[in-house]
């Protein structure tokens, strides 16, 4: 192996060749390991960010109540207001995703929602820092029944 230094070409002995080759191999292995470690670190960050945002984000239900929904349901829920439907939607979205993905209001019939909502409110109320009173439970129930009947029609 020939090397060219400032003073001109000269021959490197076998010991130096071996040391030089070992150094090159280690550098190459080190660079490959660093690339692998960097790649694994980036993949880990992506997974953590994806998992973290899924749980912390506040999923929204597409069904937005309108005055038409209130008018349509006056016979079933006399005196219900659009503001109450909005509050029911907000309570539904902010509490029902604590333990599971949000269901679409049309995913269950009215009779099922009447059983599901009280049971789930008890579960939410058992969590520290969360409380839904009877009025809030009724708003959630009215929201899912009202909006569920819209999606089916």
N, C-alpha and C. Protein backbone atom coordinates (compact mmCIF):
# COMPACT_ATOMS: atom_id res chain seq x y z
N UNK A 1 0.85 -1.17 0.00
CA UNK A 1 0.00 0.00 0.00
C UNK A 1 0.89 1.23 0.00
N UNK A 2 0.66 2.12 -0.93
CA UNK A 2 1.44 3.35 -1.01
C UNK A 2 0.64 4.51 -0.46
N UNK A 3 1.30 5.40 0.26
CA UNK A 3 0.67 6.61 0.78
C UNK A 3 1.48 7.79 0.28
N UNK A 4 0.85 8.87 0.02
CA UNK A 4 1.56 10.06 -0.42
C UNK A 4 1.41 11.10 0.66
N UNK A 5 2.51 11.44 1.26
CA UNK A 5 2.50 12.48 2.28
C UNK A 5 3.23 13.69 1.72
N UNK A 6 3.40 14.67 2.54
CA UNK A 6 4.04 15.92 2.15
C UNK A 6 5.47 15.68 1.64
N UNK A 7 6.12 14.65 2.14
CA UNK A 7 7.51 14.40 1.79
C UNK A 7 7.67 13.43 0.63
N UNK A 8 6.55 12.94 0.07
CA UNK A 8 6.65 12.06 -1.07
C UNK A 8 6.13 10.67 -0.77
N UNK A 9 6.15 9.77 -1.77
CA UNK A 9 5.60 8.42 -1.59
C UNK A 9 6.55 7.56 -0.77
N UNK A 10 5.94 6.67 0.03
CA UNK A 10 6.73 5.69 0.75
C UNK A 10 5.87 4.47 0.99
N UNK A 11 6.50 3.34 1.28
CA UNK A 11 5.81 2.08 1.54
C UNK A 11 5.48 1.95 3.02
N UNK A 12 4.27 1.49 3.30
CA UNK A 12 3.86 1.27 4.67
C UNK A 12 4.03 -0.21 4.97
N UNK A 13 4.58 -0.53 6.13
CA UNK A 13 4.80 -1.92 6.51
C UNK A 13 3.50 -2.66 6.75
N UNK A 14 3.63 -4.02 6.86
CA UNK A 14 2.44 -4.85 7.05
C UNK A 14 1.68 -4.50 8.33
N UNK A 15 2.36 -4.19 9.40
CA UNK A 15 1.70 -3.85 10.66
C UNK A 15 0.83 -2.60 10.49
N UNK A 16 1.38 -1.65 9.74
CA UNK A 16 0.62 -0.42 9.52
C UNK A 16 -0.58 -0.68 8.60
N UNK A 17 -0.36 -1.56 7.60
CA UNK A 17 -1.47 -1.91 6.70
C UNK A 17 -2.61 -2.53 7.49
N UNK A 18 -2.28 -3.46 8.36
CA UNK A 18 -3.29 -4.14 9.17
C UNK A 18 -4.02 -3.15 10.07
N UNK A 19 -3.26 -2.30 10.73
CA UNK A 19 -3.87 -1.30 11.62
C UNK A 19 -4.77 -0.36 10.83
N UNK A 20 -4.28 0.06 9.66
CA UNK A 20 -5.06 0.96 8.81
C UNK A 20 -6.35 0.29 8.35
N UNK A 21 -6.27 -0.96 7.90
CA UNK A 21 -7.45 -1.69 7.46
C UNK A 21 -8.44 -1.89 8.61
N UNK A 22 -7.95 -2.21 9.81
CA UNK A 22 -8.83 -2.36 10.98
C UNK A 22 -9.55 -1.04 11.29
N UNK A 23 -8.80 0.05 11.22
CA UNK A 23 -9.39 1.36 11.48
C UNK A 23 -10.49 1.67 10.45
N UNK A 24 -10.21 1.37 9.18
CA UNK A 24 -11.22 1.61 8.15
C UNK A 24 -12.47 0.75 8.39
N UNK A 25 -12.26 -0.52 8.75
CA UNK A 25 -13.39 -1.40 9.01
C UNK A 25 -14.22 -0.89 10.18
N UNK A 26 -13.54 -0.52 11.26
CA UNK A 26 -14.26 -0.02 12.45
C UNK A 26 -15.04 1.25 12.12
N UNK A 27 -14.43 2.12 11.36
CA UNK A 27 -15.10 3.36 10.98
C UNK A 27 -16.33 3.05 10.15
N UNK A 28 -16.18 2.13 9.21
CA UNK A 28 -17.31 1.73 8.36
C UNK A 28 -18.41 1.10 9.21
N UNK A 29 -18.05 0.19 10.10
CA UNK A 29 -19.03 -0.46 10.98
C UNK A 29 -19.69 0.58 11.88
N UNK A 30 -18.90 1.47 12.42
CA UNK A 30 -19.42 2.52 13.29
C UNK A 30 -20.43 3.39 12.54
N UNK A 31 -20.06 3.76 11.30
CA UNK A 31 -20.97 4.60 10.51
C UNK A 31 -22.27 3.85 10.21
N UNK A 32 -22.18 2.57 9.87
CA UNK A 32 -23.38 1.78 9.61
C UNK A 32 -24.24 1.65 10.86
N UNK A 33 -23.59 1.40 12.00
CA UNK A 33 -24.34 1.30 13.26
C UNK A 33 -25.02 2.62 13.60
N UNK A 34 -24.33 3.72 13.36
CA UNK A 34 -24.92 5.03 13.64
C UNK A 34 -26.12 5.28 12.73
N UNK A 35 -26.01 4.85 11.48
CA UNK A 35 -27.13 5.01 10.55
C UNK A 35 -28.32 4.19 11.03
N UNK A 36 -28.05 2.95 11.47
CA UNK A 36 -29.12 2.09 11.97
C UNK A 36 -29.75 2.68 13.22
N UNK A 37 -28.91 3.14 14.13
CA UNK A 37 -29.43 3.73 15.37
C UNK A 37 -30.22 5.00 15.09
N UNK A 38 -29.76 5.81 14.17
CA UNK A 38 -30.49 7.03 13.81
C UNK A 38 -31.84 6.69 13.20
N UNK A 39 -31.85 5.70 12.33
CA UNK A 39 -33.09 5.28 11.70
C UNK A 39 -34.07 4.75 12.74
N UNK A 40 -33.59 3.91 13.65
CA UNK A 40 -34.44 3.37 14.71
C UNK A 40 -34.98 4.49 15.60
N UNK A 41 -34.14 5.45 15.90
CA UNK A 41 -34.58 6.59 16.73
C UNK A 41 -35.67 7.37 16.03
N UNK A 42 -35.52 7.62 14.74
CA UNK A 42 -36.53 8.36 13.99
C UNK A 42 -37.85 7.60 13.94
N UNK A 43 -37.78 6.29 13.70
CA UNK A 43 -38.99 5.47 13.67
C UNK A 43 -39.67 5.50 15.03
N UNK A 44 -38.89 5.41 16.10
CA UNK A 44 -39.44 5.47 17.45
C UNK A 44 -40.15 6.78 17.73
N UNK A 45 -39.56 7.86 17.30
CA UNK A 45 -40.19 9.18 17.50
C UNK A 45 -41.50 9.26 16.73
N UNK A 46 -41.52 8.78 15.50
CA UNK A 46 -42.74 8.81 14.70
C UNK A 46 -43.84 7.99 15.39
N UNK A 47 -43.50 6.82 15.90
CA UNK A 47 -44.49 5.97 16.58
C UNK A 47 -45.00 6.67 17.83
N UNK A 48 -44.11 7.24 18.62
CA UNK A 48 -44.54 7.92 19.84
C UNK A 48 -45.44 9.11 19.54
N UNK A 49 -45.08 9.88 18.54
CA UNK A 49 -45.90 11.03 18.18
C UNK A 49 -47.27 10.57 17.69
N UNK A 50 -47.29 9.54 16.87
CA UNK A 50 -48.56 9.04 16.34
C UNK A 50 -49.44 8.51 17.47
N UNK A 51 -48.87 7.75 18.38
CA UNK A 51 -49.65 7.21 19.50
C UNK A 51 -50.08 8.31 20.45
N UNK A 52 -49.20 9.24 20.70
CA UNK A 52 -49.52 10.32 21.63
C UNK A 52 -50.63 11.21 21.11
N UNK A 53 -50.62 11.55 19.84
CA UNK A 53 -51.64 12.44 19.32
C UNK A 53 -52.97 11.72 19.19
N UNK A 54 -52.96 10.42 18.95
CA UNK A 54 -54.23 9.73 18.84
C UNK A 54 -54.99 9.75 20.14
N UNK A 55 -54.33 9.59 21.25
CA UNK A 55 -55.00 9.57 22.54
C UNK A 55 -55.33 10.96 23.04
N UNK A 56 -54.50 11.94 22.74
CA UNK A 56 -54.71 13.28 23.26
C UNK A 56 -55.60 14.13 22.39
N UNK A 57 -55.76 13.75 21.14
CA UNK A 57 -56.59 14.57 20.29
C UNK A 57 -58.04 14.39 20.68
N UNK A 58 -58.83 15.35 20.36
CA UNK A 58 -60.25 15.29 20.67
C UNK A 58 -61.02 14.98 19.40
N UNK A 59 -61.35 13.71 19.18
CA UNK A 59 -62.05 13.35 17.97
C UNK A 59 -63.43 14.00 17.92
N UNK A 60 -63.87 14.30 16.74
CA UNK A 60 -65.15 14.95 16.55
C UNK A 60 -66.08 14.04 15.77
N UNK A 61 -67.35 14.13 16.12
CA UNK A 61 -68.37 13.42 15.38
C UNK A 61 -68.83 14.36 14.28
N UNK A 62 -69.05 13.83 13.11
CA UNK A 62 -69.38 14.66 11.97
C UNK A 62 -70.75 15.32 12.08
N UNK A 63 -71.69 14.68 12.77
CA UNK A 63 -73.04 15.18 12.84
C UNK A 63 -73.11 16.45 13.70
N UNK A 64 -73.42 17.58 13.06
CA UNK A 64 -73.56 18.85 13.78
C UNK A 64 -75.05 19.16 13.89
N UNK A 65 -75.55 19.34 15.11
CA UNK A 65 -76.98 19.61 15.27
C UNK A 65 -77.39 20.94 14.62
N UNK A 66 -78.61 20.96 14.14
CA UNK A 66 -79.17 22.18 13.54
C UNK A 66 -80.53 22.45 14.18
N UNK A 67 -81.08 23.62 13.90
CA UNK A 67 -82.41 23.95 14.40
C UNK A 67 -83.45 22.98 13.83
N UNK A 68 -83.22 22.50 12.62
CA UNK A 68 -84.11 21.51 12.02
C UNK A 68 -84.18 20.24 12.86
N UNK A 69 -83.05 19.83 13.44
CA UNK A 69 -83.03 18.66 14.31
C UNK A 69 -83.87 18.91 15.57
N UNK A 70 -83.73 20.10 16.13
CA UNK A 70 -84.50 20.46 17.33
C UNK A 70 -85.99 20.42 17.00
N UNK A 71 -86.39 21.05 15.89
CA UNK A 71 -87.80 21.10 15.50
C UNK A 71 -88.35 19.70 15.27
N UNK A 72 -87.58 18.85 14.60
CA UNK A 72 -88.00 17.48 14.29
C UNK A 72 -88.24 16.66 15.55
N UNK A 73 -87.49 16.95 16.63
CA UNK A 73 -87.57 16.13 17.84
C UNK A 73 -88.41 16.76 18.95
N UNK A 74 -89.11 17.87 18.66
CA UNK A 74 -89.90 18.54 19.70
C UNK A 74 -90.98 17.63 20.29
N UNK A 75 -91.55 16.75 19.49
CA UNK A 75 -92.58 15.85 20.02
C UNK A 75 -91.99 14.84 20.99
N UNK A 76 -90.77 14.43 20.75
CA UNK A 76 -90.10 13.46 21.63
C UNK A 76 -89.47 14.15 22.84
N UNK A 77 -88.85 15.30 22.61
CA UNK A 77 -88.17 16.05 23.68
C UNK A 77 -88.70 17.49 23.71
N UNK A 78 -89.89 17.71 24.27
CA UNK A 78 -90.46 19.05 24.30
C UNK A 78 -89.56 20.03 25.05
N UNK A 79 -89.38 21.20 24.49
CA UNK A 79 -88.58 22.24 25.13
C UNK A 79 -87.08 22.12 24.88
N UNK A 80 -86.65 21.11 24.18
CA UNK A 80 -85.22 20.96 23.89
C UNK A 80 -84.75 22.12 23.01
N UNK A 81 -83.55 22.62 23.29
CA UNK A 81 -83.00 23.73 22.52
C UNK A 81 -81.78 23.29 21.72
N UNK A 82 -81.43 24.10 20.74
CA UNK A 82 -80.23 23.83 19.94
C UNK A 82 -78.99 23.88 20.83
N UNK A 83 -78.96 24.81 21.78
CA UNK A 83 -77.83 24.91 22.69
C UNK A 83 -77.65 23.62 23.50
N UNK A 84 -78.76 23.02 23.93
CA UNK A 84 -78.68 21.75 24.67
C UNK A 84 -78.10 20.63 23.79
N UNK A 85 -78.49 20.63 22.51
CA UNK A 85 -77.93 19.63 21.60
C UNK A 85 -76.43 19.83 21.42
N UNK A 86 -76.00 21.09 21.28
CA UNK A 86 -74.56 21.38 21.18
C UNK A 86 -73.84 20.92 22.45
N UNK A 87 -74.42 21.19 23.61
CA UNK A 87 -73.80 20.75 24.87
C UNK A 87 -73.72 19.23 24.94
N UNK A 88 -74.77 18.55 24.47
CA UNK A 88 -74.76 17.08 24.44
C UNK A 88 -73.66 16.56 23.53
N UNK A 89 -73.49 17.21 22.38
CA UNK A 89 -72.42 16.82 21.44
C UNK A 89 -71.06 17.01 22.09
N UNK A 90 -70.87 18.15 22.75
CA UNK A 90 -69.58 18.44 23.40
C UNK A 90 -69.29 17.43 24.52
N UNK A 91 -70.29 17.13 25.34
CA UNK A 91 -70.11 16.14 26.41
C UNK A 91 -69.80 14.76 25.83
N UNK A 92 -70.50 14.40 24.78
CA UNK A 92 -70.29 13.11 24.11
C UNK A 92 -68.86 13.00 23.60
N UNK A 93 -68.41 14.04 22.89
CA UNK A 93 -67.07 14.00 22.29
C UNK A 93 -65.96 14.07 23.33
N UNK A 94 -66.15 14.81 24.39
CA UNK A 94 -65.06 15.00 25.36
C UNK A 94 -65.00 13.90 26.42
N UNK A 95 -66.04 13.12 26.58
CA UNK A 95 -66.04 12.09 27.62
C UNK A 95 -66.07 10.67 27.08
N UNK A 96 -66.80 10.44 26.02
CA UNK A 96 -66.98 9.07 25.54
C UNK A 96 -65.72 8.49 24.90
N UNK A 97 -64.77 9.34 24.55
CA UNK A 97 -63.53 8.83 23.97
C UNK A 97 -62.45 8.59 25.03
N UNK A 98 -62.78 8.72 26.30
CA UNK A 98 -61.80 8.45 27.35
C UNK A 98 -61.43 6.97 27.40
N UNK A 99 -62.39 6.11 27.05
CA UNK A 99 -62.15 4.66 27.14
C UNK A 99 -62.19 3.94 25.80
N UNK A 100 -62.81 4.55 24.81
CA UNK A 100 -62.97 3.87 23.52
C UNK A 100 -63.17 4.91 22.42
N UNK A 101 -63.13 4.45 21.18
CA UNK A 101 -63.39 5.34 20.05
C UNK A 101 -64.86 5.76 20.09
N UNK A 102 -65.11 6.96 19.58
CA UNK A 102 -66.49 7.44 19.54
C UNK A 102 -67.32 6.62 18.55
N UNK A 103 -68.50 6.29 18.99
CA UNK A 103 -69.45 5.63 18.09
C UNK A 103 -70.25 6.69 17.36
N UNK A 104 -70.69 6.37 16.19
CA UNK A 104 -71.60 7.27 15.49
C UNK A 104 -72.97 7.14 16.16
N UNK A 105 -73.69 8.25 16.29
CA UNK A 105 -75.01 8.18 16.91
C UNK A 105 -75.94 7.16 16.26
N UNK A 106 -75.81 6.95 14.95
CA UNK A 106 -76.68 6.00 14.26
C UNK A 106 -76.25 4.54 14.45
N UNK A 107 -75.15 4.32 15.17
CA UNK A 107 -74.65 2.95 15.31
C UNK A 107 -75.51 2.10 16.24
N UNK A 108 -76.34 2.74 17.06
CA UNK A 108 -77.19 2.01 18.00
C UNK A 108 -78.62 2.55 17.90
N UNK A 109 -79.61 1.69 18.10
CA UNK A 109 -80.99 2.18 18.14
C UNK A 109 -81.25 2.93 19.45
N UNK A 110 -82.31 3.69 19.48
CA UNK A 110 -82.65 4.49 20.66
C UNK A 110 -82.72 3.64 21.92
N UNK A 111 -83.32 2.47 21.84
CA UNK A 111 -83.46 1.60 23.02
C UNK A 111 -82.09 1.22 23.59
N UNK A 112 -81.11 1.00 22.71
CA UNK A 112 -79.75 0.65 23.18
C UNK A 112 -79.06 1.85 23.82
N UNK A 113 -79.21 3.04 23.20
CA UNK A 113 -78.59 4.24 23.77
C UNK A 113 -79.12 4.51 25.17
N UNK A 114 -80.41 4.22 25.40
CA UNK A 114 -81.01 4.45 26.72
C UNK A 114 -80.38 3.55 27.79
N UNK A 115 -79.81 2.44 27.38
CA UNK A 115 -79.09 1.55 28.31
C UNK A 115 -77.60 1.89 28.36
N UNK A 116 -77.03 2.20 27.21
CA UNK A 116 -75.58 2.44 27.11
C UNK A 116 -75.17 3.73 27.83
N UNK A 117 -75.87 4.83 27.57
CA UNK A 117 -75.44 6.13 28.09
C UNK A 117 -75.36 6.14 29.62
N UNK A 118 -76.39 5.71 30.36
CA UNK A 118 -76.27 5.72 31.83
C UNK A 118 -75.12 4.83 32.34
N UNK A 119 -74.92 3.69 31.70
CA UNK A 119 -73.84 2.78 32.10
C UNK A 119 -72.47 3.43 31.87
N UNK A 120 -72.32 4.08 30.73
CA UNK A 120 -71.04 4.73 30.42
C UNK A 120 -70.81 5.98 31.28
N UNK A 121 -71.86 6.70 31.61
CA UNK A 121 -71.72 7.87 32.48
C UNK A 121 -71.19 7.43 33.85
N UNK A 122 -71.68 6.31 34.36
CA UNK A 122 -71.15 5.78 35.63
C UNK A 122 -69.66 5.50 35.53
N UNK A 123 -69.22 4.94 34.40
CA UNK A 123 -67.79 4.66 34.21
C UNK A 123 -66.98 5.95 34.16
N UNK A 124 -67.47 6.94 33.43
CA UNK A 124 -66.77 8.22 33.34
C UNK A 124 -66.69 8.87 34.72
N UNK A 125 -67.79 8.82 35.47
CA UNK A 125 -67.82 9.44 36.79
C UNK A 125 -66.89 8.74 37.79
N UNK A 126 -66.50 7.52 37.49
CA UNK A 126 -65.56 6.82 38.37
C UNK A 126 -64.11 7.24 38.11
N UNK A 127 -63.89 7.96 37.03
CA UNK A 127 -62.54 8.46 36.72
C UNK A 127 -62.30 9.77 37.45
N UNK A 128 -61.12 9.92 37.99
CA UNK A 128 -60.78 11.13 38.73
C UNK A 128 -60.81 12.35 37.82
N UNK A 129 -61.45 13.40 38.29
CA UNK A 129 -61.50 14.65 37.53
C UNK A 129 -62.63 14.73 36.51
N UNK A 130 -63.48 13.73 36.46
CA UNK A 130 -64.57 13.72 35.49
C UNK A 130 -65.89 13.52 36.22
N UNK A 131 -66.88 14.33 35.85
CA UNK A 131 -68.21 14.15 36.43
C UNK A 131 -69.27 14.65 35.46
N UNK A 132 -70.21 13.80 35.17
CA UNK A 132 -71.36 14.16 34.34
C UNK A 132 -72.58 14.01 35.24
N UNK A 133 -73.33 15.10 35.42
CA UNK A 133 -74.53 15.03 36.24
C UNK A 133 -75.71 14.50 35.42
N UNK A 134 -76.88 14.37 36.06
CA UNK A 134 -78.04 13.82 35.37
C UNK A 134 -78.45 14.68 34.18
N UNK A 135 -78.34 16.01 34.32
CA UNK A 135 -78.69 16.90 33.20
C UNK A 135 -77.74 16.67 32.03
N UNK A 136 -76.45 16.49 32.31
CA UNK A 136 -75.47 16.22 31.26
C UNK A 136 -75.73 14.88 30.60
N UNK A 137 -76.08 13.88 31.40
CA UNK A 137 -76.40 12.56 30.86
C UNK A 137 -77.60 12.66 29.91
N UNK A 138 -78.61 13.44 30.31
CA UNK A 138 -79.79 13.60 29.47
C UNK A 138 -79.44 14.32 28.16
N UNK A 139 -78.53 15.30 28.23
CA UNK A 139 -78.10 16.02 27.02
C UNK A 139 -77.38 15.08 26.05
N UNK A 140 -76.52 14.21 26.59
CA UNK A 140 -75.83 13.23 25.74
C UNK A 140 -76.85 12.31 25.09
N UNK A 141 -77.77 11.82 25.88
CA UNK A 141 -78.79 10.89 25.39
C UNK A 141 -79.63 11.55 24.29
N UNK A 142 -80.07 12.76 24.54
CA UNK A 142 -80.87 13.48 23.53
C UNK A 142 -80.06 13.72 22.25
N UNK A 143 -78.79 14.03 22.42
CA UNK A 143 -77.92 14.26 21.26
C UNK A 143 -77.81 12.99 20.40
N UNK A 144 -77.45 11.85 21.02
CA UNK A 144 -77.24 10.63 20.22
C UNK A 144 -78.54 10.13 19.61
N UNK A 145 -79.65 10.27 20.32
CA UNK A 145 -80.94 9.83 19.76
C UNK A 145 -81.34 10.74 18.60
N UNK A 146 -81.21 12.05 18.80
CA UNK A 146 -81.59 13.00 17.75
C UNK A 146 -80.72 12.83 16.52
N UNK A 147 -79.41 12.83 16.70
CA UNK A 147 -78.51 12.76 15.55
C UNK A 147 -78.49 11.36 14.94
N UNK A 148 -78.75 10.34 15.72
CA UNK A 148 -78.83 8.98 15.20
C UNK A 148 -80.00 8.80 14.26
N UNK A 149 -81.10 9.47 14.57
CA UNK A 149 -82.27 9.35 13.69
C UNK A 149 -82.07 10.12 12.39
N UNK A 150 -81.22 11.14 12.39
CA UNK A 150 -80.91 11.89 11.17
C UNK A 150 -80.08 11.03 10.22
N UNK A 151 -79.05 10.36 10.77
CA UNK A 151 -78.13 9.58 9.94
C UNK A 151 -78.83 8.39 9.29
N UNK A 152 -79.85 7.86 9.94
CA UNK A 152 -80.54 6.68 9.40
C UNK A 152 -81.50 7.05 8.27
N UNK A 153 -82.00 8.28 8.31
CA UNK A 153 -82.99 8.66 7.30
C UNK A 153 -82.35 9.16 6.03
